[in-house]
Amino acid sequence: MEIIIGKTAGFCYGVERAVNGAKEQQTRNEKTYCLGEIVHNKNVVNDLKNSGIEFIENIEDAKGLTIIRAHGVKKEIYDKAKEMNIEIKDLTCPSVLKIHRIVAEFAEKGYYIILTGKKNHPEVIGIESYCGDNYVIVYDEGEIEEAIDIIKSKNIENVLLISQTTYSSKKFDKIEEIIKEKIGDDINIEVKKTICPSTEIRQKETEDIAKQVDIMVIIGDRKSSNTNKLYDISCEFCNKVLFIGNAEELNLEELKDAKKVGIMAGASTPKDDIVNVKNKILGVSEYV
């Protein structure tokens, strides 16, 4: 059996920065808190819990230095932390912070903002708080018509199209095409394709591998937006796709007839999980 492992599988820069930063803070402080899951991966979160970091859902529960997760938070959180005299260690991915700055700038200029992404995702919730009053969140092409109707009915002159970092590159391009086609030249449209470059590369590599193999194995947490997109892409180009959290969830019976297996992992999946899945497929008993 041949195994193809994606070169871009596993931690991206933003996740690695956040996880390493959290570990460093825990060694420096008697007690460290993290507001929300540092990344969407239960194995990573459990490891940090075991190191002594306490995960909280509300800033009001913090009693000492508090980490801001890689996805970022609403801007009101910073004000509340300052009011409570809580020290913040901001480990928001720099690419997400860049989006905060862009939408805040364009909102100040009066632009109507179309944000492509998944409602209620932590990253989107954070970005949304910087968008002002005139914005809409769009997940797919089917939702863009309502946004176009609003733009036309309110005689809006300027529109910003921007994206969650882990959104589908193909979906974004399609939405941009629809907007420009239906709005026309009378309205100024600024497009900021803020999908993380590593996300785009990982999605393209997933597609390439899926076209070559009998089975794709996607490793990551079900709550991970970027990992779910890798699964969706794989399903487009491969007849059989398995979505697992770690090696323990892999049923080798599913692979028994495969001659070529592809492995890809989301941006919040640790390298150890990838190695362990590979070893299990190969029949290696040693795990990281």
Protein backbone atom coordinates (compact mmCIF):
# COMPACT_ATOMS: atom_id res chain seq x y z
CA MET A 1 0.00 0.00 0.00
CA GLU A 2 1.27 3.46 -0.94
CA ILE A 3 0.65 6.36 1.44
CA ILE A 4 0.75 9.99 0.32
CA ILE A 5 0.92 12.51 3.16
CA GLY A 6 0.27 16.16 2.39
CA LYS A 7 3.34 18.36 2.82
CA THR A 8 1.12 21.09 4.27
CA ALA A 9 -0.69 18.80 6.71
CA GLY A 10 -0.76 19.95 10.32
CA PHE A 11 -0.06 23.13 12.26
CA CYS A 12 -0.06 26.40 10.37
CA TYR A 13 2.01 29.37 11.54
CA GLY A 14 -0.83 30.96 13.52
CA VAL A 15 -1.69 27.76 15.39
CA GLU A 16 1.94 26.91 16.16
CA ARG A 17 2.48 30.45 17.43
CA ALA A 18 -0.59 30.25 19.68
CA VAL A 19 0.15 26.80 21.10
CA ASN A 20 3.83 27.54 21.77
CA GLY A 21 2.88 30.91 23.23
CA ALA A 22 0.39 29.28 25.59
CA LYS A 23 2.98 26.78 26.79
CA GLU A 24 5.48 29.57 27.38
CA GLN A 25 2.99 31.59 29.43
CA GLN A 26 2.18 28.59 31.59
CA THR A 27 5.85 28.16 32.50
CA ARG A 28 6.15 31.85 33.40
CA ASN A 29 2.99 32.27 35.46
CA GLU A 30 1.64 30.56 38.54
CA LYS A 31 -1.83 30.50 36.94
CA THR A 32 -2.74 31.03 33.31
CA TYR A 33 -6.22 31.23 31.78
CA CYS A 34 -7.30 30.86 28.15
CA LEU A 35 -10.50 32.44 26.87
CA GLY A 36 -12.11 29.73 24.73
CA GLU A 37 -10.28 26.86 23.06
CA ILE A 38 -6.81 27.95 21.97
CA VAL A 39 -7.44 26.13 18.66
CA HIS A 40 -10.11 23.71 17.47
CA ASN A 41 -8.42 20.47 18.45
CA LYS A 42 -9.39 18.59 21.60
CA ASN A 43 -6.05 16.78 21.83
CA VAL A 44 -4.17 20.09 21.87
CA VAL A 45 -6.59 21.59 24.38
CA ASN A 46 -6.36 18.56 26.67
CA ASP A 47 -2.55 18.68 26.62
CA LEU A 48 -2.65 22.34 27.66
CA LYS A 49 -5.21 21.59 30.35
CA ASN A 50 -2.90 18.90 31.71
CA SER A 51 -0.07 21.45 31.80
CA GLY A 52 -2.18 23.60 34.12
CA ILE A 53 -3.88 26.12 31.83
CA GLU A 54 -7.49 26.77 32.80
CA PHE A 55 -9.92 27.28 29.91
CA ILE A 56 -12.78 29.70 30.52
CA GLU A 57 -15.70 30.86 28.38
CA ASN A 58 -16.21 34.31 29.95
CA ILE A 59 -13.58 36.95 30.68
CA GLU A 60 -15.38 37.58 33.99
CA ASP A 61 -14.07 34.20 35.18
CA ALA A 62 -10.43 35.22 34.72
CA LYS A 63 -8.40 35.85 37.85
CA GLY A 64 -5.00 36.32 36.29
CA LEU A 65 -3.12 36.46 33.00
CA THR A 66 -5.46 35.42 30.20
CA ILE A 67 -4.59 34.16 26.73
CA ILE A 68 -6.59 35.25 23.70
CA ARG A 69 -6.96 32.25 21.39
CA ALA A 70 -5.74 31.99 17.80
CA HIS A 71 -9.22 32.71 16.40
CA GLY A 72 -9.42 36.06 18.17
CA VAL A 73 -12.28 37.53 20.21
CA LYS A 74 -14.77 40.39 20.08
CA LYS A 75 -13.24 43.82 20.62
CA GLU A 76 -15.40 44.31 23.70
CA ILE A 77 -13.37 41.62 25.45
CA TYR A 78 -10.28 43.83 25.51
CA ASP A 79 -12.23 46.67 27.12
CA LYS A 80 -13.68 44.33 29.74
CA ALA A 81 -10.25 42.88 30.55
CA LYS A 82 -8.85 46.40 30.99
CA GLU A 83 -11.76 47.31 33.24
CA MET A 84 -11.09 44.19 35.35
CA ASN A 85 -7.32 44.90 35.40
CA ILE A 86 -6.69 41.50 33.76
CA GLU A 87 -3.40 41.14 31.89
CA ILE A 88 -3.92 39.85 28.35
CA LYS A 89 -1.54 37.78 26.24
CA ASP A 90 -2.94 38.16 22.74
CA LEU A 91 -2.17 35.07 20.66
CA THR A 92 -4.68 35.88 17.92
CA CYS A 93 -3.33 34.80 14.54
CA PRO A 94 -1.70 37.84 12.84
CA SER A 95 -3.76 37.13 9.70
CA VAL A 96 -6.97 37.45 11.75
CA LEU A 97 -5.77 40.66 13.41
CA LYS A 98 -5.14 42.06 9.92
CA ILE A 99 -8.79 41.41 9.02
CA HIS A 100 -9.91 43.21 12.21
CA ARG A 101 -7.94 46.28 11.13
CA ILE A 102 -9.25 46.20 7.56
CA VAL A 103 -12.95 45.88 8.42
CA ALA A 104 -12.65 48.56 11.13
CA GLU A 105 -11.06 50.93 8.61
CA PHE A 106 -13.67 50.31 5.92
CA ALA A 107 -16.55 50.45 8.40
CA GLU A 108 -15.29 53.87 9.49
CA LYS A 109 -15.41 54.97 5.84
CA GLY A 110 -19.04 53.89 5.58
CA TYR A 111 -18.58 50.77 3.44
CA TYR A 112 -21.16 47.99 3.46
CA ILE A 113 -19.19 44.88 4.40
CA ILE A 114 -19.81 41.40 3.02
CA LEU A 115 -17.92 38.87 5.13
CA THR A 116 -17.65 35.35 3.74
CA GLY A 117 -17.45 32.78 6.51
CA LYS A 118 -19.36 30.61 8.93
CA LYS A 119 -21.71 32.37 11.34
CA ASN A 120 -21.04 31.61 15.00
CA HIS A 121 -17.48 30.50 14.27
CA PRO A 122 -15.17 32.15 16.86
CA GLU A 123 -13.07 33.88 14.21
CA VAL A 124 -16.14 35.30 12.46
CA ILE A 125 -17.66 36.46 15.75
CA GLY A 126 -14.48 38.39 16.46
CA ILE A 127 -14.32 39.96 12.98
CA GLU A 128 -18.02 40.83 13.11
CA SER A 129 -17.47 43.05 16.15
CA TYR A 130 -15.27 45.36 14.07
CA CYS A 131 -17.69 45.65 11.12
CA GLY A 132 -19.94 48.41 12.46
CA ASP A 133 -23.66 48.34 11.67
CA ASN A 134 -23.71 47.75 7.91
CA TYR A 135 -22.55 44.23 7.18
CA VAL A 136 -23.72 40.74 6.31
CA ILE A 137 -22.14 37.30 6.78
CA VAL A 138 -22.40 35.02 3.76
CA TYR A 139 -21.54 31.32 3.83
CA ASP A 140 -22.25 30.29 0.24
CA GLU A 141 -23.56 31.49 -3.12
CA GLY A 142 -27.16 30.85 -2.12
CA GLU A 143 -26.99 33.59 0.52
CA ILE A 144 -25.53 36.34 -1.65
CA GLU A 145 -28.83 37.38 -3.29
CA GLU A 146 -30.17 38.84 -0.05
CA ALA A 147 -27.00 40.90 0.40
CA ILE A 148 -27.28 42.21 -3.16
CA ASP A 149 -30.92 43.19 -2.57
CA ILE A 150 -29.90 45.14 0.53
CA ILE A 151 -27.13 46.94 -1.34
CA LYS A 152 -29.49 47.96 -4.13
CA SER A 153 -32.41 48.94 -1.88
CA LYS A 154 -30.27 51.14 0.39
CA ASN A 155 -28.48 52.84 -2.51
CA ILE A 156 -25.13 51.80 -1.09
CA GLU A 157 -22.19 53.24 -3.02
CA ASN A 158 -19.24 51.35 -1.54
CA VAL A 159 -18.91 47.65 -0.74
CA LEU A 160 -16.11 45.64 0.84
CA LEU A 161 -15.92 41.91 0.18
CA ILE A 162 -13.65 40.16 2.69
CA SER A 163 -13.22 36.67 4.09
CA GLN A 164 -12.66 34.48 7.11
CA THR A 165 -9.08 33.14 6.89
CA THR A 166 -10.13 29.50 6.47
CA TYR A 167 -12.92 30.01 3.92
CA SER A 168 -13.02 28.10 0.64
CA SER A 169 -10.99 29.89 -2.02
CA LYS A 170 -13.24 28.58 -4.80
CA LYS A 171 -16.40 29.72 -3.01
CA PHE A 172 -14.94 33.18 -2.45
CA ASP A 173 -14.05 33.55 -6.13
CA LYS A 174 -17.57 32.49 -7.13
CA ILE A 175 -19.21 34.95 -4.73
CA GLU A 176 -16.97 37.74 -6.02
CA GLU A 177 -18.00 36.87 -9.58
CA ILE A 178 -21.72 36.92 -8.71
CA ILE A 179 -21.50 40.23 -6.86
CA LYS A 180 -19.64 42.01 -9.65
CA GLU A 181 -22.00 40.59 -12.25
CA LYS A 182 -25.23 41.56 -10.47
CA ILE A 183 -24.26 44.87 -8.89
CA GLY A 184 -22.75 46.43 -11.98
CA ASP A 185 -20.30 49.29 -12.38
CA ASP A 186 -22.26 51.95 -10.50
CA ILE A 187 -21.14 50.66 -7.10
CA ASN A 188 -17.52 50.66 -5.96
CA ILE A 189 -16.46 47.17 -4.84
CA GLU A 190 -13.27 46.61 -2.87
CA VAL A 191 -12.18 42.97 -2.67
CA LYS A 192 -9.84 41.72 0.04
CA LYS A 193 -9.24 37.99 -0.34
CA THR A 194 -8.01 37.47 3.20
CA ILE A 195 -8.01 33.70 3.04
CA CYS A 196 -4.74 32.60 4.64
CA PRO A 197 -2.19 31.60 1.95
CA SER A 198 -1.44 28.37 3.82
CA THR A 199 -5.16 27.56 3.75
CA GLU A 200 -5.29 28.00 -0.03
CA ILE A 201 -2.17 25.89 -0.54
CA ARG A 202 -3.49 23.16 1.77
CA GLN A 203 -6.84 23.08 -0.04
CA LYS A 204 -5.12 22.80 -3.42
CA GLU A 205 -2.81 20.04 -2.21
CA THR A 206 -5.79 18.15 -0.76
CA GLU A 207 -7.50 18.27 -4.14
CA ASP A 208 -4.36 17.06 -5.92
CA ILE A 209 -3.90 14.11 -3.56
CA ALA A 210 -7.59 13.17 -3.56
CA LYS A 211 -7.47 12.78 -7.34
CA GLN A 212 -4.68 10.20 -7.07
CA VAL A 213 -5.82 7.87 -4.27
CA ASP A 214 -8.43 5.22 -3.49
CA ILE A 215 -9.11 6.58 0.00
CA MET A 216 -8.49 9.96 1.67
CA VAL A 217 -7.98 10.16 5.42
CA ILE A 218 -8.62 13.61 6.89
CA ILE A 219 -7.29 14.13 10.42
CA GLY A 220 -8.63 16.85 12.67
CA ASP A 221 -11.33 18.05 15.00
CA ARG A 222 -14.94 18.15 13.81
CA LYS A 223 -15.20 21.74 15.08
CA SER A 224 -12.32 22.86 12.89
CA SER A 225 -13.60 24.93 9.98
CA ASN A 226 -10.52 24.45 7.81
CA THR A 227 -10.48 20.69 8.42
CA ASN A 228 -14.12 20.36 7.42
CA LYS A 229 -13.29 22.13 4.16
CA LEU A 230 -10.50 19.62 3.48
CA TYR A 231 -13.05 16.86 3.98
CA ASP A 232 -15.51 18.54 1.58
CA ILE A 233 -12.80 19.00 -1.05
CA SER A 234 -11.73 15.37 -0.71
CA CYS A 235 -15.31 14.18 -1.18
CA GLU A 236 -15.43 16.03 -4.52
CA PHE A 237 -12.45 14.17 -5.93
CA CYS A 238 -12.24 10.84 -4.09
CA ASN A 239 -14.86 8.11 -3.80
CA LYS A 240 -14.06 7.24 -0.20
CA VAL A 241 -13.09 9.73 2.50
CA LEU A 242 -12.58 9.11 6.22
CA PHE A 243 -12.72 11.96 8.77
CA ILE A 244 -10.99 11.03 12.01
CA GLY A 245 -9.74 12.87 15.08
CA ASN A 246 -6.72 10.66 15.73
CA ALA A 247 -5.25 7.19 15.14
CA GLU A 248 -7.58 5.58 17.69
CA GLU A 249 -10.57 6.47 15.51
CA LEU A 250 -9.10 4.86 12.39
CA ASN A 251 -10.71 1.55 11.45
CA LEU A 252 -8.15 -0.37 9.40
CA GLU A 253 -10.93 -2.51 7.89
CA GLU A 254 -11.92 0.59 5.91
CA LEU A 255 -8.52 0.54 4.19
CA LYS A 256 -8.09 -3.17 3.48
CA ASP A 257 -8.77 -2.96 -0.28
CA ALA A 258 -6.92 0.32 -0.87
CA LYS A 259 -3.77 0.42 -2.96
CA LYS A 260 -3.10 4.11 -2.46
CA VAL A 261 -4.12 6.16 0.60
CA GLY A 262 -3.90 9.92 0.98
CA ILE A 263 -3.51 11.65 4.35
CA MET A 264 -4.23 15.31 4.98
CA ALA A 265 -4.68 17.14 8.26
CA GLY A 266 -6.15 20.47 9.30
CA ALA A 267 -4.18 23.50 10.46
CA SER A 268 -4.82 22.70 14.14
CA THR A 269 -3.83 19.02 13.96
CA PRO A 270 -0.57 18.16 15.78
CA LYS A 271 2.19 16.41 13.86
CA ASP A 272 2.08 13.52 16.34
CA ASP A 273 -1.50 12.70 15.29
CA ILE A 274 -0.43 12.50 11.64
CA VAL A 275 2.56 10.28 12.43
CA ASN A 276 0.42 7.97 14.56
CA VAL A 277 -2.15 7.53 11.79
CA LYS A 278 0.59 6.73 9.30
CA ASN A 279 2.17 4.23 11.70
CA LYS A 280 -1.15 2.52 12.36
CA ILE A 281 -1.75 2.08 8.63
CA LEU A 282 1.75 0.67 8.19
CA GLY A 283 1.30 -1.66 11.15
CA VAL A 284 3.93 0.07 13.27
CA SER A 285 3.20 -0.46 16.96
CA GLU A 286 5.26 2.50 18.21
CA TYR A 287 3.33 5.71 18.72
CA VAL A 288 4.53 9.22 19.39
